[in-house]
Every structure is written in structure tokens, then in C-alpha cells.
Amino acid sequence: MERFFLYDDVEDTKTRFVSFTGRSLRYDLAIVQSTKFYGKVLVLDMQSSRFAIIGPDDLEEPGYLEYVFNKTEEEAEDLREYLMELLS
């Protein structure tokens, strides 16, 4: 089978593993920094197997974290507070 690659790059990335408790949940995250994300980070929620490329602008978008990580408003707020500290 012939493949048409848009790109096939290898890059060194910086990955941070963090675990913390919020008001109602424990969060186990992997946060990947890469030049591919144009200043944003790849956030992987290892408990729910969900991920998103997130920047400060995404954190201000109402309902975004709730949607991509399938969290309640309160659960997403705990995550938002942590990510705002991380990205500032």
C-alpha cells in the first residue's frame, strides 16, 4: 500500500507527570511540551484516557475542559486552576 505522509518527525519533548487531588477527584496527568503545539501543551488525563492540546486561551473558553475531559463544572474548575498556574 502506498502511503502519503504529511510529516513524519522525531522530536525531543519535555513531559511532566503530575498527580493531585481536587475537591472531589484525583487527577493523574501527563503534560507534554513540544514545538509542534505552538506554545500550547498536550494534556493527557491518564485516568479517563482523554487528551487535548491546551493553551491559556482554551482555559478561558466556557465549557471547554468539561467537554474534552468529560468533567463536571466543579471537577473542571480544579483542573483549570492547576493548568492556569502551569501555563502562566
Protein backbone atom coordinates (compact mmCIF):
# COMPACT_ATOMS: atom_id res chain seq x y z
CA MET A 1 0.00 0.00 0.00
CA GLU A 2 1.33 3.44 -0.90
CA ARG A 3 1.31 5.99 1.92
CA PHE A 4 1.21 9.74 1.59
CA PHE A 5 2.83 11.28 4.66
CA LEU A 6 2.11 14.86 5.61
CA TYR A 7 5.05 14.62 8.01
CA ASP A 8 7.00 12.05 9.97
CA ASP A 9 9.15 13.90 12.51
CA VAL A 10 11.02 12.83 15.61
CA GLU A 11 11.36 15.46 18.30
CA ASP A 12 12.64 15.58 21.85
CA THR A 13 9.82 16.66 24.14
CA LYS A 14 9.52 17.57 27.79
CA THR A 15 6.96 15.51 29.71
CA ARG A 16 5.77 16.30 33.22
CA PHE A 17 3.81 13.75 35.24
CA VAL A 18 1.67 15.20 37.99
CA SER A 19 -0.87 13.77 40.40
CA PHE A 20 -3.01 15.92 42.67
CA THR A 21 -6.35 15.85 44.42
CA GLY A 22 -9.11 18.31 43.75
CA ARG A 23 -12.29 18.86 45.70
CA SER A 24 -13.81 15.58 44.54
CA LEU A 25 -11.33 13.75 42.29
CA ARG A 26 -7.74 12.67 41.97
CA TYR A 27 -6.01 13.84 38.78
CA ASP A 28 -3.19 11.89 37.13
CA LEU A 29 -1.87 13.90 34.21
CA ALA A 30 0.95 13.78 31.70
CA ILE A 31 1.77 17.19 30.26
CA VAL A 32 3.83 17.20 27.07
CA GLN A 33 5.63 20.28 25.77
CA SER A 34 6.64 20.30 22.12
CA THR A 35 7.35 22.88 19.44
CA LYS A 36 4.59 21.21 17.40
CA PHE A 37 1.90 22.72 19.64
CA TYR A 38 2.77 26.39 19.02
CA GLY A 39 3.06 27.33 22.71
CA LYS A 40 0.28 25.04 23.91
CA VAL A 41 0.73 21.78 25.81
CA LEU A 42 -0.69 18.31 25.30
CA VAL A 43 -2.57 17.33 28.46
CA LEU A 44 -3.29 13.63 28.90
CA ASP A 45 -5.69 12.55 31.64
CA MET A 46 -4.39 9.06 32.35
CA GLN A 47 -7.44 8.01 34.37
CA SER A 48 -10.01 8.76 31.68
CA SER A 49 -7.79 8.22 28.59
CA ARG A 50 -8.72 11.66 27.28
CA PHE A 51 -6.38 14.32 25.99
CA ALA A 52 -6.32 17.80 24.48
CA ILE A 53 -3.86 20.39 23.25
CA ILE A 54 -4.43 23.32 25.60
CA GLY A 55 -3.24 26.89 25.87
CA PRO A 56 -4.26 29.80 28.08
CA ASP A 57 -6.96 30.85 25.59
CA ASP A 58 -8.60 27.40 25.84
CA LEU A 59 -8.82 27.66 29.62
CA GLU A 60 -10.94 30.79 29.27
CA GLU A 61 -13.38 29.12 26.87
CA PRO A 62 -16.58 28.30 28.82
CA GLY A 63 -17.32 24.57 28.97
CA TYR A 64 -14.17 23.52 27.07
CA LEU A 65 -12.49 21.46 29.79
CA GLU A 66 -15.84 20.00 30.82
CA TYR A 67 -16.35 18.80 27.25
CA VAL A 68 -12.90 17.46 26.33
CA PHE A 69 -12.24 15.74 29.67
CA ASN A 70 -15.87 14.78 30.40
CA LYS A 71 -15.84 16.51 33.80
CA THR A 72 -18.45 18.29 35.87
CA GLU A 73 -18.13 22.05 36.27
CA GLU A 74 -16.54 21.65 39.72
CA GLU A 75 -14.11 18.95 38.54
CA ALA A 76 -13.11 21.04 35.53
CA GLU A 77 -12.52 24.06 37.74
CA ASP A 78 -9.93 22.12 39.79
CA LEU A 79 -8.18 21.17 36.57
CA ARG A 80 -8.46 24.71 35.18
CA GLU A 81 -6.88 26.22 38.30
CA TYR A 82 -3.91 23.87 38.07
CA LEU A 83 -3.41 24.41 34.32
CA MET A 84 -3.65 28.20 34.70
CA GLU A 85 -0.79 28.07 37.23
CA LEU A 86 1.21 25.79 34.93
CA LEU A 87 0.72 27.87 31.78
CA SER A 88 1.28 31.30 33.32
